[in-house]
Amino acid sequence: QVQLVESGGGLVHPGGSLRLSCAASVSVFKIRTMHWYRQAPGNQRELVATIGSGSGSMTNYADSVKGRFTISRDNNKNMVYLQMNSLKPEDTAVYYCKIFDFDAWGQGTLVTVSS
């Protein structure tokens, strides 16, 4: 059974930073491609960042966050992270991690960017 637990969200001023964490309970975590998604109120869930399996040398980002967000992983801890810098009000959303090819979602963590 797959479980995903996101944490690290909160209220931050524009220009601030947050680091999101996701604990993944899944077999052989290191072979799993991982994603971060987000869903703003009234919007569809959108893909924010992807990190490939193994060392995580392959990463990909939505244009809206490129250069500001960094996805990383720790295979020893079954964790994936999203470092978010230079946050903007339009980054306000519930953020979710997801395992590629698994139809499972955690509860998400709310990020609010507001002055």
PDB file of N, CA and C in Angstrom:
ATOM      1  N   GLN A   1       0.845  -1.186   0.000  1.00  0.00           N
ATOM      2  CA  GLN A   1       0.000   0.000   0.000  1.00  0.00           C
ATOM      3  C   GLN A   1       0.882   1.237   0.000  1.00  0.00           C
ATOM      4  N   VAL A   2       0.576   2.160  -0.889  1.00  0.00           N
ATOM      5  CA  VAL A   2       1.361   3.375  -1.032  1.00  0.00           C
ATOM      6  C   VAL A   2       0.792   4.464  -0.138  1.00  0.00           C
ATOM      7  N   GLN A   3       1.684   5.149   0.569  1.00  0.00           N
ATOM      8  CA  GLN A   3       1.272   6.304   1.380  1.00  0.00           C
ATOM      9  C   GLN A   3       2.201   7.466   1.103  1.00  0.00           C
ATOM     10  N   LEU A   4       1.622   8.640   1.019  1.00  0.00           N
ATOM     11  CA  LEU A   4       2.374   9.867   0.786  1.00  0.00           C
ATOM     12  C   LEU A   4       1.948  10.885   1.830  1.00  0.00           C
ATOM     13  N   VAL A   5       2.937  11.486   2.491  1.00  0.00           N
ATOM     14  CA  VAL A   5       2.643  12.464   3.535  1.00  0.00           C
ATOM     15  C   VAL A   5       3.464  13.718   3.266  1.00  0.00           C
ATOM     16  N   GLU A   6       2.762  14.784   2.913  1.00  0.00           N
ATOM     17  CA  GLU A   6       3.413  16.054   2.614  1.00  0.00           C
ATOM     18  C   GLU A   6       3.436  16.937   3.863  1.00  0.00           C
ATOM     19  N   SER A   7       4.455  17.774   3.962  1.00  0.00           N
ATOM     20  CA  SER A   7       4.562  18.709   5.081  1.00  0.00           C
ATOM     21  C   SER A   7       5.415  19.898   4.667  1.00  0.00           C
ATOM     22  N   GLY A   8       5.402  20.929   5.504  1.00  0.00           N
ATOM     23  CA  GLY A   8       6.260  22.075   5.275  1.00  0.00           C
ATOM     24  C   GLY A   8       5.572  23.314   4.757  1.00  0.00           C
ATOM     25  N   GLY A   9       4.283  23.218   4.466  1.00  0.00           N
ATOM     26  CA  GLY A   9       3.572  24.393   3.979  1.00  0.00           C
ATOM     27  C   GLY A   9       3.362  25.425   5.069  1.00  0.00           C
ATOM     28  N   GLY A  10       2.851  26.583   4.663  1.00  0.00           N
ATOM     29  CA  GLY A  10       2.593  27.637   5.624  1.00  0.00           C
ATOM     30  C   GLY A  10       2.336  28.951   4.934  1.00  0.00           C
ATOM     31  N   LEU A  11       2.311  30.002   5.731  1.00  0.00           N
ATOM     32  CA  LEU A  11       2.102  31.356   5.227  1.00  0.00           C
ATOM     33  C   LEU A  11       3.455  32.038   5.088  1.00  0.00           C
ATOM     34  N   VAL A  12       3.696  32.620   3.936  1.00  0.00           N
ATOM     35  CA  VAL A  12       4.968  33.293   3.681  1.00  0.00           C
ATOM     36  C   VAL A  12       4.700  34.560   2.885  1.00  0.00           C
ATOM     37  N   HIS A  13       5.545  35.564   3.111  1.00  0.00           N
ATOM     38  CA  HIS A  13       5.425  36.803   2.358  1.00  0.00           C
ATOM     39  C   HIS A  13       5.960  36.630   0.947  1.00  0.00           C
ATOM     40  N   PRO A  14       5.493  37.439   0.020  1.00  0.00           N
ATOM     41  CA  PRO A  14       6.070  37.402  -1.335  1.00  0.00           C
ATOM     42  C   PRO A  14       7.580  37.618  -1.274  1.00  0.00           C
ATOM     43  N   GLY A  15       8.295  36.833  -2.060  1.00  0.00           N
ATOM     44  CA  GLY A  15       9.746  36.864  -2.036  1.00  0.00           C
ATOM     45  C   GLY A  15      10.376  35.903  -1.059  1.00  0.00           C
ATOM     46  N   GLY A  16       9.579  35.306  -0.213  1.00  0.00           N
ATOM     47  CA  GLY A  16      10.077  34.384   0.786  1.00  0.00           C
ATOM     48  C   GLY A  16      10.317  32.989   0.244  1.00  0.00           C
ATOM     49  N   SER A  17      10.710  32.105   1.162  1.00  0.00           N
ATOM     50  CA  SER A  17      11.053  30.731   0.783  1.00  0.00           C
ATOM     51  C   SER A  17      10.366  29.736   1.711  1.00  0.00           C
ATOM     52  N   LEU A  18      10.136  28.547   1.164  1.00  0.00           N
ATOM     53  CA  LEU A  18       9.644  27.412   1.933  1.00  0.00           C
ATOM     54  C   LEU A  18      10.269  26.151   1.369  1.00  0.00           C
ATOM     55  N   ARG A  19      10.386  25.147   2.222  1.00  0.00           N
ATOM     56  CA  ARG A  19      10.840  23.837   1.780  1.00  0.00           C
ATOM     57  C   ARG A  19       9.782  22.813   2.137  1.00  0.00           C
ATOM     58  N   LEU A  20       9.224  22.198   1.108  1.00  0.00           N
ATOM     59  CA  LEU A  20       8.225  21.151   1.308  1.00  0.00           C
ATOM     60  C   LEU A  20       8.910  19.790   1.358  1.00  0.00           C
ATOM     61  N   SER A  21       8.326  18.906   2.145  1.00  0.00           N
ATOM     62  CA  SER A  21       8.835  17.543   2.249  1.00  0.00           C
ATOM     63  C   SER A  21       7.720  16.552   1.965  1.00  0.00           C
ATOM     64  N   CYS A  22       8.102  15.415   1.438  1.00  0.00           N
ATOM     65  CA  CYS A  22       7.136  14.339   1.183  1.00  0.00           C
ATOM     66  C   CYS A  22       7.780  13.023   1.595  1.00  0.00           C
ATOM     67  N   ALA A  23       7.116  12.344   2.514  1.00  0.00           N
ATOM     68  CA  ALA A  23       7.540  11.009   2.927  1.00  0.00           C
ATOM     69  C   ALA A  23       6.727   9.990   2.143  1.00  0.00           C
ATOM     70  N   ALA A  24       7.425   9.112   1.436  1.00  0.00           N
ATOM     71  CA  ALA A  24       6.750   8.142   0.574  1.00  0.00           C
ATOM     72  C   ALA A  24       6.955   6.728   1.102  1.00  0.00           C
ATOM     73  N   SER A  25       5.849   6.050   1.341  1.00  0.00           N
ATOM     74  CA  SER A  25       5.899   4.644   1.730  1.00  0.00           C
ATOM     75  C   SER A  25       5.598   3.821   0.491  1.00  0.00           C
ATOM     76  N   VAL A  26       6.639   3.334  -0.145  1.00  0.00           N
ATOM     77  CA  VAL A  26       6.508   2.563  -1.380  1.00  0.00           C
ATOM     78  C   VAL A  26       7.737   1.682  -1.496  1.00  0.00           C
ATOM     79  N   SER A  27       7.550   0.533  -2.103  1.00  0.00           N
ATOM     80  CA  SER A  27       8.691  -0.371  -2.255  1.00  0.00           C
ATOM     81  C   SER A  27       9.705   0.195  -3.250  1.00  0.00           C
ATOM     82  N   VAL A  28      10.951  -0.037  -2.961  1.00  0.00           N
ATOM     83  CA  VAL A  28      12.070   0.352  -3.832  1.00  0.00           C
ATOM     84  C   VAL A  28      11.924   1.798  -4.284  1.00  0.00           C
ATOM     85  N   PHE A  29      11.919   2.683  -3.322  1.00  0.00           N
ATOM     86  CA  PHE A  29      11.699   4.113  -3.592  1.00  0.00           C
ATOM     87  C   PHE A  29      12.677   4.629  -4.641  1.00  0.00           C
ATOM     88  N   LYS A  30      13.894   4.157  -4.611  1.00  0.00           N
ATOM     89  CA  LYS A  30      14.928   4.772  -5.447  1.00  0.00           C
ATOM     90  C   LYS A  30      14.656   4.601  -6.933  1.00  0.00           C
ATOM     91  N   ILE A  31      13.797   3.664  -7.317  1.00  0.00           N
ATOM     92  CA  ILE A  31      13.518   3.474  -8.740  1.00  0.00           C
ATOM     93  C   ILE A  31      12.301   4.272  -9.203  1.00  0.00           C
ATOM     94  N   ARG A  32      11.694   5.011  -8.281  1.00  0.00           N
ATOM     95  CA  ARG A  32      10.447   5.715  -8.606  1.00  0.00           C
ATOM     96  C   ARG A  32      10.709   7.149  -9.053  1.00  0.00           C
ATOM     97  N   THR A  33      10.158   7.496 -10.185  1.00  0.00           N
ATOM     98  CA  THR A  33      10.096   8.903 -10.565  1.00  0.00           C
ATOM     99  C   THR A  33       9.049   9.589  -9.703  1.00  0.00           C
ATOM    100  N   MET A  34       9.394  10.773  -9.199  1.00  0.00           N
ATOM    101  CA  MET A  34       8.510  11.481  -8.268  1.00  0.00           C
ATOM    102  C   MET A  34       8.113  12.835  -8.843  1.00  0.00           C
ATOM    103  N   HIS A  35       6.915  13.253  -8.503  1.00  0.00           N
ATOM    104  CA  HIS A  35       6.394  14.542  -8.959  1.00  0.00           C
ATOM    105  C   HIS A  35       5.933  15.391  -7.776  1.00  0.00           C
ATOM    106  N   TRP A  36       5.941  16.679  -7.968  1.00  0.00           N
ATOM    107  CA  TRP A  36       5.185  17.618  -7.133  1.00  0.00           C
ATOM    108  C   TRP A  36       4.118  18.255  -8.029  1.00  0.00           C
ATOM    109  N   TYR A  37       2.900  18.262  -7.522  1.00  0.00           N
ATOM    110  CA  TYR A  37       1.783  18.937  -8.169  1.00  0.00           C
ATOM    111  C   TYR A  37       1.273  20.031  -7.231  1.00  0.00           C
ATOM    112  N   ARG A  38       0.466  20.915  -7.777  1.00  0.00           N
ATOM    113  CA  ARG A  38      -0.225  21.886  -6.939  1.00  0.00           C
ATOM    114  C   ARG A  38      -1.618  22.165  -7.510  1.00  0.00           C
ATOM    115  N   GLN A  39      -2.495  22.588  -6.593  1.00  0.00           N
ATOM    116  CA  GLN A  39      -3.856  22.916  -6.994  1.00  0.00           C
ATOM    117  C   GLN A  39      -4.286  24.171  -6.259  1.00  0.00           C
ATOM    118  N   ALA A  40      -4.477  25.226  -7.028  1.00  0.00           N
ATOM    119  CA  ALA A  40      -4.957  26.485  -6.473  1.00  0.00           C
ATOM    120  C   ALA A  40      -6.487  26.468  -6.450  1.00  0.00           C
ATOM    121  N   PRO A  41      -7.094  27.275  -5.596  1.00  0.00           N
ATOM    122  CA  PRO A  41      -8.559  27.301  -5.517  1.00  0.00           C
ATOM    123  C   PRO A  41      -9.182  27.589  -6.871  1.00  0.00           C
ATOM    124  N   GLY A  42     -10.127  26.751  -7.277  1.00  0.00           N
ATOM    125  CA  GLY A  42     -10.819  26.940  -8.537  1.00  0.00           C
ATOM    126  C   GLY A  42     -10.060  26.479  -9.764  1.00  0.00           C
ATOM    127  N   ASN A  43      -8.858  25.966  -9.554  1.00  0.00           N
ATOM    128  CA  ASN A  43      -8.038  25.530 -10.694  1.00  0.00           C
ATOM    129  C   ASN A  43      -7.856  24.018 -10.690  1.00  0.00           C
ATOM    130  N   GLN A  44      -7.451  23.501 -11.836  1.00  0.00           N
ATOM    131  CA  GLN A  44      -7.100  22.086 -11.912  1.00  0.00           C
ATOM    132  C   GLN A  44      -5.722  21.850 -11.305  1.00  0.00           C
ATOM    133  N   ARG A  45      -5.491  20.632 -10.903  1.00  0.00           N
ATOM    134  CA  ARG A  45      -4.182  20.256 -10.379  1.00  0.00           C
ATOM    135  C   ARG A  45      -3.167  20.336 -11.514  1.00  0.00           C
ATOM    136  N   GLU A  46      -2.007  20.931 -11.238  1.00  0.00           N
ATOM    137  CA  GLU A  46      -0.991  21.080 -12.276  1.00  0.00           C
ATOM    138  C   GLU A  46       0.346  20.510 -11.808  1.00  0.00           C
ATOM    139  N   LEU A  47       1.079  19.982 -12.761  1.00  0.00           N
ATOM    140  CA  LEU A  47       2.397  19.428 -12.490  1.00  0.00           C
ATOM    141  C   LEU A  47       3.400  20.570 -12.327  1.00  0.00           C
ATOM    142  N   VAL A  48       4.141  20.538 -11.238  1.00  0.00           N
ATOM    143  CA  VAL A  48       5.099  21.595 -10.925  1.00  0.00           C
ATOM    144  C   VAL A  48       6.528  21.154 -11.208  1.00  0.00           C
ATOM    145  N   ALA A  49       6.877  19.945 -10.740  1.00  0.00           N
ATOM    146  CA  ALA A  49       8.261  19.492 -10.860  1.00  0.00           C
ATOM    147  C   ALA A  49       8.306  17.972 -10.874  1.00  0.00           C
ATOM    148  N   THR A  50       9.335  17.447 -11.541  1.00  0.00           N
ATOM    149  CA  THR A  50       9.556  16.007 -11.648  1.00  0.00           C
ATOM    150  C   THR A  50      11.024  15.712 -11.394  1.00  0.00           C
ATOM    151  N   ILE A  51      11.264  14.607 -10.704  1.00  0.00           N
ATOM    152  CA  ILE A  51      12.640  14.149 -10.510  1.00  0.00           C
ATOM    153  C   ILE A  51      12.707  12.676 -10.873  1.00  0.00           C
ATOM    154  N   GLY A  52      13.723  12.321 -11.641  1.00  0.00           N
ATOM    155  CA  GLY A  52      13.870  10.944 -12.076  1.00  0.00           C
ATOM    156  C   GLY A  52      14.368  10.029 -10.985  1.00  0.00           C
ATOM    157  N   SER A  53      14.408   8.748 -11.317  1.00  0.00           N
ATOM    158  CA  SER A  53      14.826   7.737 -10.357  1.00  0.00           C
ATOM    159  C   SER A  53      16.321   7.804 -10.097  1.00  0.00           C
ATOM    160  N   GLY A  54      16.766   6.990  -9.156  1.00  0.00           N
ATOM    161  CA  GLY A  54      18.188   6.927  -8.842  1.00  0.00           C
ATOM    162  C   GLY A  54      18.693   8.208  -8.194  1.00  0.00           C
ATOM    163  N   SER A  55      19.752   8.744  -8.750  1.00  0.00           N
ATOM    164  CA  SER A  55      20.376   9.930  -8.160  1.00  0.00           C
ATOM    165  C   SER A  55      19.527  11.178  -8.288  1.00  0.00           C
ATOM    166  N   GLY A  56      18.540  11.127  -9.156  1.00  0.00           N
ATOM    167  CA  GLY A  56      17.705  12.301  -9.356  1.00  0.00           C
ATOM    168  C   GLY A  56      18.358  13.352 -10.225  1.00  0.00           C
ATOM    169  N   SER A  57      19.273  12.937 -11.068  1.00  0.00           N
ATOM    170  CA  SER A  57      19.956  13.908 -11.920  1.00  0.00           C
ATOM    171  C   SER A  57      19.014  14.497 -12.972  1.00  0.00           C
ATOM    172  N   MET A  58      17.958  13.763 -13.309  1.00  0.00           N
ATOM    173  CA  MET A  58      16.966  14.279 -14.247  1.00  0.00           C
ATOM    174  C   MET A  58      15.890  15.028 -13.485  1.00  0.00           C
ATOM    175  N   THR A  59      15.734  16.291 -13.788  1.00  0.00           N
ATOM    176  CA  THR A  59      14.659  17.088 -13.194  1.00  0.00           C
ATOM    177  C   THR A  59      13.980  17.892 -14.299  1.00  0.00           C
ATOM    178  N   ASN A  60      12.729  18.226 -14.038  1.00  0.00           N
ATOM    179  CA  ASN A  60      11.973  19.019 -14.994  1.00  0.00           C
ATOM    180  C   ASN A  60      11.004  19.903 -14.219  1.00  0.00           C
ATOM    181  N   TYR A  61      10.753  21.103 -14.743  1.00  0.00           N
ATOM    182  CA  TYR A  61       9.937  22.068 -14.027  1.00  0.00           C
ATOM    183  C   TYR A  61       8.926  22.727 -14.958  1.00  0.00           C
ATOM    184  N   ALA A  62       7.806  23.106 -14.389  1.00  0.00           N
ATOM    185  CA  ALA A  62       6.864  23.947 -15.115  1.00  0.00           C
ATOM    186  C   ALA A  62       7.521  25.297 -15.367  1.00  0.00           C
ATOM    187  N   ASP A  63       7.173  25.911 -16.473  1.00  0.00           N
ATOM    188  CA  ASP A  63       7.771  27.211 -16.814  1.00  0.00           C
ATOM    189  C   ASP A  63       7.532  28.246 -15.723  1.00  0.00           C
ATOM    190  N   SER A  64       6.414  28.138 -15.056  1.00  0.00           N
ATOM    191  CA  SER A  64       6.041  29.139 -14.052  1.00  0.00           C
ATOM    192  C   SER A  64       6.927  29.106 -12.809  1.00  0.00           C
ATOM    193  N   VAL A  65       7.648  28.006 -12.595  1.00  0.00           N
ATOM    194  CA  VAL A  65       8.476  27.896 -11.386  1.00  0.00           C
ATOM    195  C   VAL A  65       9.950  27.711 -11.709  1.00  0.00           C
ATOM    196  N   LYS A  66      10.269  27.596 -12.974  1.00  0.00           N
ATOM    197  CA  LYS A  66      11.656  27.347 -13.378  1.00  0.00           C
ATOM    198  C   LYS A  66      12.561  28.469 -12.880  1.00  0.00           C
ATOM    199  N   GLY A  67      13.675  28.069 -12.274  1.00  0.00           N
ATOM    200  CA  GLY A  67      14.614  29.048 -11.743  1.00  0.00           C
ATOM    201  C   GLY A  67      14.314  29.469 -10.316  1.00  0.00           C
ATOM    202  N   ARG A  68      13.137  29.106  -9.811  1.00  0.00           N
ATOM    203  CA  ARG A  68      12.759  29.466  -8.440  1.00  0.00           C
ATOM    204  C   ARG A  68      12.598  28.243  -7.541  1.00  0.00           C
ATOM    205  N   PHE A  69      12.150  27.138  -8.101  1.00  0.00           N
ATOM    206  CA  PHE A  69      11.904  25.914  -7.333  1.00  0.00           C
ATOM    207  C   PHE A  69      12.971  24.878  -7.684  1.00  0.00           C
ATOM    208  N   THR A  70      13.304  24.054  -6.686  1.00  0.00           N
ATOM    209  CA  THR A  70      14.242  22.958  -6.887  1.00  0.00           C
ATOM    210  C   THR A  70      13.695  21.697  -6.231  1.00  0.00           C
ATOM    211  N   ILE A  71      13.587  20.640  -7.023  1.00  0.00           N
ATOM    212  CA  ILE A  71      13.151  19.350  -6.505  1.00  0.00           C
ATOM    213  C   ILE A  71      14.381  18.497  -6.222  1.00  0.00           C
ATOM    214  N   SER A  72      14.316  17.742  -5.140  1.00  0.00           N
ATOM    215  CA  SER A  72      15.428  16.851  -4.784  1.00  0.00           C
ATOM    216  C   SER A  72      14.881  15.629  -4.059  1.00  0.00           C
ATOM    217  N   ARG A  73      15.742  14.645  -3.857  1.00  0.00           N
ATOM    218  CA  ARG A  73      15.293  13.420  -3.205  1.00  0.00           C
ATOM    219  C   ARG A  73      16.390  12.851  -2.327  1.00  0.00           C
ATOM    220  N   ASP A  74      15.977  12.096  -1.307  1.00  0.00           N
ATOM    221  CA  ASP A  74      16.899  11.364  -0.440  1.00  0.00           C
ATOM    222  C   ASP A  74      16.409   9.921  -0.412  1.00  0.00           C
ATOM    223  N   ASN A  75      17.056   9.060  -1.165  1.00  0.00           N
ATOM    224  CA  ASN A  75      16.599   7.671  -1.298  1.00  0.00           C
ATOM    225  C   ASN A  75      16.785   6.876  -0.005  1.00  0.00           C
ATOM    226  N   ASN A  76      17.706   7.315   0.839  1.00  0.00           N
ATOM    227  CA  ASN A  76      17.912   6.618   2.115  1.00  0.00           C
ATOM    228  C   ASN A  76      16.752   6.836   3.074  1.00  0.00           C
ATOM    229  N   LYS A  77      16.062   7.950   2.877  1.00  0.00           N
ATOM    230  CA  LYS A  77      14.957   8.298   3.778  1.00  0.00           C
ATOM    231  C   LYS A  77      13.593   8.189   3.101  1.00  0.00           C
ATOM    232  N   ASN A  78      13.551   7.792   1.849  1.00  0.00           N
ATOM    233  CA  ASN A  78      12.297   7.759   1.085  1.00  0.00           C
ATOM    234  C   ASN A  78      11.602   9.117   1.095  1.00  0.00           C
ATOM    235  N   MET A  79      12.373  10.158   0.843  1.00  0.00           N
ATOM    236  CA  MET A  79      11.852  11.513   0.900  1.00  0.00           C
ATOM    237  C   MET A  79      12.084  12.236  -0.424  1.00  0.00           C
ATOM    238  N   VAL A  80      11.157  13.104  -0.742  1.00  0.00           N
ATOM    239  CA  VAL A  80      11.341  14.027  -1.852  1.00  0.00           C
ATOM    240  C   VAL A  80      11.016  15.423  -1.329  1.00  0.00           C
ATOM    241  N   TYR A  81      11.744  16.413  -1.829  1.00  0.00           N
ATOM    242  CA  TYR A  81      11.650  17.776  -1.318  1.00  0.00           C
ATOM    243  C   TYR A  81      11.360  18.747  -2.458  1.00  0.00           C
ATOM    244  N   LEU A  82      10.801  19.892  -2.097  1.00  0.00           N
ATOM    245  CA  LEU A  82      10.619  20.982  -3.044  1.00  0.00           C
ATOM    246  C   LEU A  82      11.044  22.271  -2.350  1.00  0.00           C
ATOM    247  N   GLN A  83      12.194  22.779  -2.739  1.00  0.00           N
ATOM    248  CA  GLN A  83      12.662  24.065  -2.240  1.00  0.00           C
ATOM    249  C   GLN A  83      12.067  25.152  -3.110  1.00  0.00           C
ATOM    250  N   MET A  84      11.336  26.060  -2.473  1.00  0.00           N
ATOM    251  CA  MET A  84      10.638  27.111  -3.203  1.00  0.00           C
ATOM    252  C   MET A  84      11.184  28.460  -2.757  1.00  0.00           C
ATOM    253  N   ASN A  85      11.767  29.170  -3.685  1.00  0.00           N
ATOM    254  CA  ASN A  85      12.333  30.498  -3.416  1.00  0.00           C
ATOM    255  C   ASN A  85      11.589  31.556  -4.224  1.00  0.00           C
ATOM    256  N   SER A  86      11.784  32.801  -3.846  1.00  0.00           N
ATOM    257  CA  SER A  86      11.170  33.931  -4.558  1.00  0.00           C
ATOM    258  C   SER A  86       9.680  33.693  -4.777  1.00  0.00           C
ATOM    259  N   LEU A  87       9.004  33.299  -3.729  1.00  0.00           N
ATOM    260  CA  LEU A  87       7.591  32.937  -3.851  1.00  0.00           C
ATOM    261  C   LEU A  87       6.730  34.126  -4.231  1.00  0.00           C
ATOM    262  N   LYS A  88       5.699  33.830  -5.015  1.00  0.00           N
ATOM    263  CA  LYS A  88       4.769  34.841  -5.514  1.00  0.00           C
ATOM    264  C   LYS A  88       3.354  34.487  -5.035  1.00  0.00           C
ATOM    265  N   PRO A  89       2.478  35.465  -4.975  1.00  0.00           N
ATOM    266  CA  PRO A  89       1.091  35.157  -4.577  1.00  0.00           C
ATOM    267  C   PRO A  89       0.461  34.073  -5.452  1.00  0.00           C
ATOM    268  N   GLU A  90       0.832  34.023  -6.720  1.00  0.00           N
ATOM    269  CA  GLU A  90       0.255  33.009  -7.606  1.00  0.00           C
ATOM    270  C   GLU A  90       0.775  31.604  -7.334  1.00  0.00           C
ATOM    271  N   ASP A  91       1.736  31.469  -6.436  1.00  0.00           N
ATOM    272  CA  ASP A  91       2.178  30.142  -6.006  1.00  0.00           C
ATOM    273  C   ASP A  91       1.277  29.568  -4.908  1.00  0.00           C
ATOM    274  N   THR A  92       0.350  30.354  -4.436  1.00  0.00           N
ATOM    275  CA  THR A  92      -0.571  29.888  -3.398  1.00  0.00           C
ATOM    276  C   THR A  92      -1.384  28.704  -3.907  1.00  0.00           C
ATOM    277  N   ALA A  93      -1.321  27.595  -3.186  1.00  0.00           N
ATOM    278  CA  ALA A  93      -1.986  26.361  -3.612  1.00  0.00           C
ATOM    279  C   ALA A  93      -1.763  25.288  -2.560  1.00  0.00           C
ATOM    280  N   VAL A  94      -2.490  24.197  -2.705  1.00  0.00           N
ATOM    281  CA  VAL A  94      -2.174  22.976  -1.968  1.00  0.00           C
ATOM    282  C   VAL A  94      -1.193  22.181  -2.820  1.00  0.00           C
ATOM    283  N   TYR A  95      -0.090  21.776  -2.220  1.00  0.00           N
ATOM    284  CA  TYR A  95       0.961  21.059  -2.921  1.00  0.00           C
ATOM    285  C   TYR A  95       0.931  19.587  -2.547  1.00  0.00           C
ATOM    286  N   TYR A  96       1.050  18.749  -3.571  1.00  0.00           N
ATOM    287  CA  TYR A  96       0.996  17.305  -3.401  1.00  0.00           C
ATOM    288  C   TYR A  96       2.209  16.646  -4.053  1.00  0.00           C
ATOM    289  N   CYS A  97       2.703  15.591  -3.450  1.00  0.00           N
ATOM    290  CA  CYS A  97       3.680  14.774  -4.149  1.00  0.00           C
ATOM    291  C   CYS A  97       2.975  13.544  -4.717  1.00  0.00           C
ATOM    292  N   LYS A  98       3.582  12.963  -5.717  1.00  0.00           N
ATOM    293  CA  LYS A  98       2.992  11.801  -6.376  1.00  0.00           C
ATOM    294  C   LYS A  98       4.088  10.922  -6.938  1.00  0.00           C
ATOM    295  N   ILE A  99       3.833   9.637  -6.918  1.00  0.00           N
ATOM    296  CA  ILE A  99       4.736   8.670  -7.517  1.00  0.00           C
ATOM    297  C   ILE A  99       4.257   8.389  -8.931  1.00  0.00           C
ATOM    298  N   PHE A 100       5.159   8.475  -9.876  1.00  0.00           N
ATOM    299  CA  PHE A 100       4.817   8.193 -11.266  1.00  0.00           C
ATOM    300  C   PHE A 100       4.192   6.808 -11.392  1.00  0.00           C
ATOM    301  N   ASP A 101       3.071   6.737 -12.096  1.00  0.00           N
ATOM    302  CA  ASP A 101       2.379   5.475 -12.382  1.00  0.00           C
ATOM    303  C   ASP A 101       1.626   4.896 -11.188  1.00  0.00           C
ATOM    304  N   PHE A 102       1.515   5.632 -10.099  1.00  0.00           N
ATOM    305  CA  PHE A 102       0.689   5.210  -8.973  1.00  0.00           C
ATOM    306  C   PHE A 102      -0.461   6.199  -8.823  1.00  0.00           C
ATOM    307  N   ASP A 103      -1.665   5.678  -8.726  1.00  0.00           N
ATOM    308  CA  ASP A 103      -2.830   6.533  -8.548  1.00  0.00           C
ATOM    309  C   ASP A 103      -3.090   6.712  -7.059  1.00  0.00           C
ATOM    310  N   ALA A 104      -2.214   7.447  -6.413  1.00  0.00           N
ATOM    311  CA  ALA A 104      -2.330   7.668  -4.973  1.00  0.00           C
ATOM    312  C   ALA A 104      -1.907   9.099  -4.670  1.00  0.00           C
ATOM    313  N   TRP A 105      -2.633   9.723  -3.774  1.00  0.00           N
ATOM    314  CA  TRP A 105      -2.354  11.103  -3.376  1.00  0.00           C
ATOM    315  C   TRP A 105      -2.355  11.200  -1.858  1.00  0.00           C
ATOM    316  N   GLY A 106      -1.511  12.086  -1.365  1.00  0.00           N
ATOM    317  CA  GLY A 106      -1.541  12.396   0.051  1.00  0.00           C
ATOM    318  C   GLY A 106      -2.562  13.477   0.337  1.00  0.00           C
ATOM    319  N   GLN A 107      -2.496  14.009   1.551  1.00  0.00           N
ATOM    320  CA  GLN A 107      -3.450  15.050   1.940  1.00  0.00           C
ATOM    321  C   GLN A 107      -3.033  16.426   1.440  1.00  0.00           C
ATOM    322  N   GLY A 108      -1.798  16.546   1.012  1.00  0.00           N
ATOM    323  CA  GLY A 108      -1.289  17.821   0.536  1.00  0.00           C
ATOM    324  C   GLY A 108      -0.864  18.732   1.679  1.00  0.00           C
ATOM    325  N   THR A 109      -0.159  19.785   1.300  1.00  0.00           N
ATOM    326  CA  THR A 109       0.244  20.803   2.278  1.00  0.00           C
ATOM    327  C   THR A 109      -0.013  22.176   1.667  1.00  0.00           C
ATOM    328  N   LEU A 110      -0.646  23.047   2.443  1.00  0.00           N
ATOM    329  CA  LEU A 110      -1.095  24.332   1.926  1.00  0.00           C
ATOM    330  C   LEU A 110       0.020  25.370   2.008  1.00  0.00           C
ATOM    331  N   VAL A 111       0.267  26.012   0.888  1.00  0.00           N
ATOM    332  CA  VAL A 111       1.212  27.124   0.813  1.00  0.00           C
ATOM    333  C   VAL A 111       0.412  28.386   0.490  1.00  0.00           C
ATOM    334  N   THR A 112       0.562  29.387   1.333  1.00  0.00           N
ATOM    335  CA  THR A 112      -0.113  30.659   1.115  1.00  0.00           C
ATOM    336  C   THR A 112       0.939  31.752   1.054  1.00  0.00           C
ATOM    337  N   VAL A 113       0.958  32.465  -0.066  1.00  0.00           N
ATOM    338  CA  VAL A 113       1.913  33.553  -0.257  1.00  0.00           C
ATOM    339  C   VAL A 113       1.118  34.861  -0.260  1.00  0.00           C
ATOM    340  N   SER A 114       1.324  35.638   0.786  1.00  0.00           N
ATOM    341  CA  SER A 114       0.521  36.844   0.944  1.00  0.00           C
ATOM    342  C   SER A 114       1.251  37.828   1.838  1.00  0.00           C
ATOM    343  N   SER A 115       1.042  39.083   1.567  1.00  0.00           N
ATOM    344  CA  SER A 115       1.602  40.124   2.423  1.00  0.00           C
ATOM    345  C   SER A 115       0.605  40.515   3.511  1.00  0.00           C
TER     346      SER A 115
END
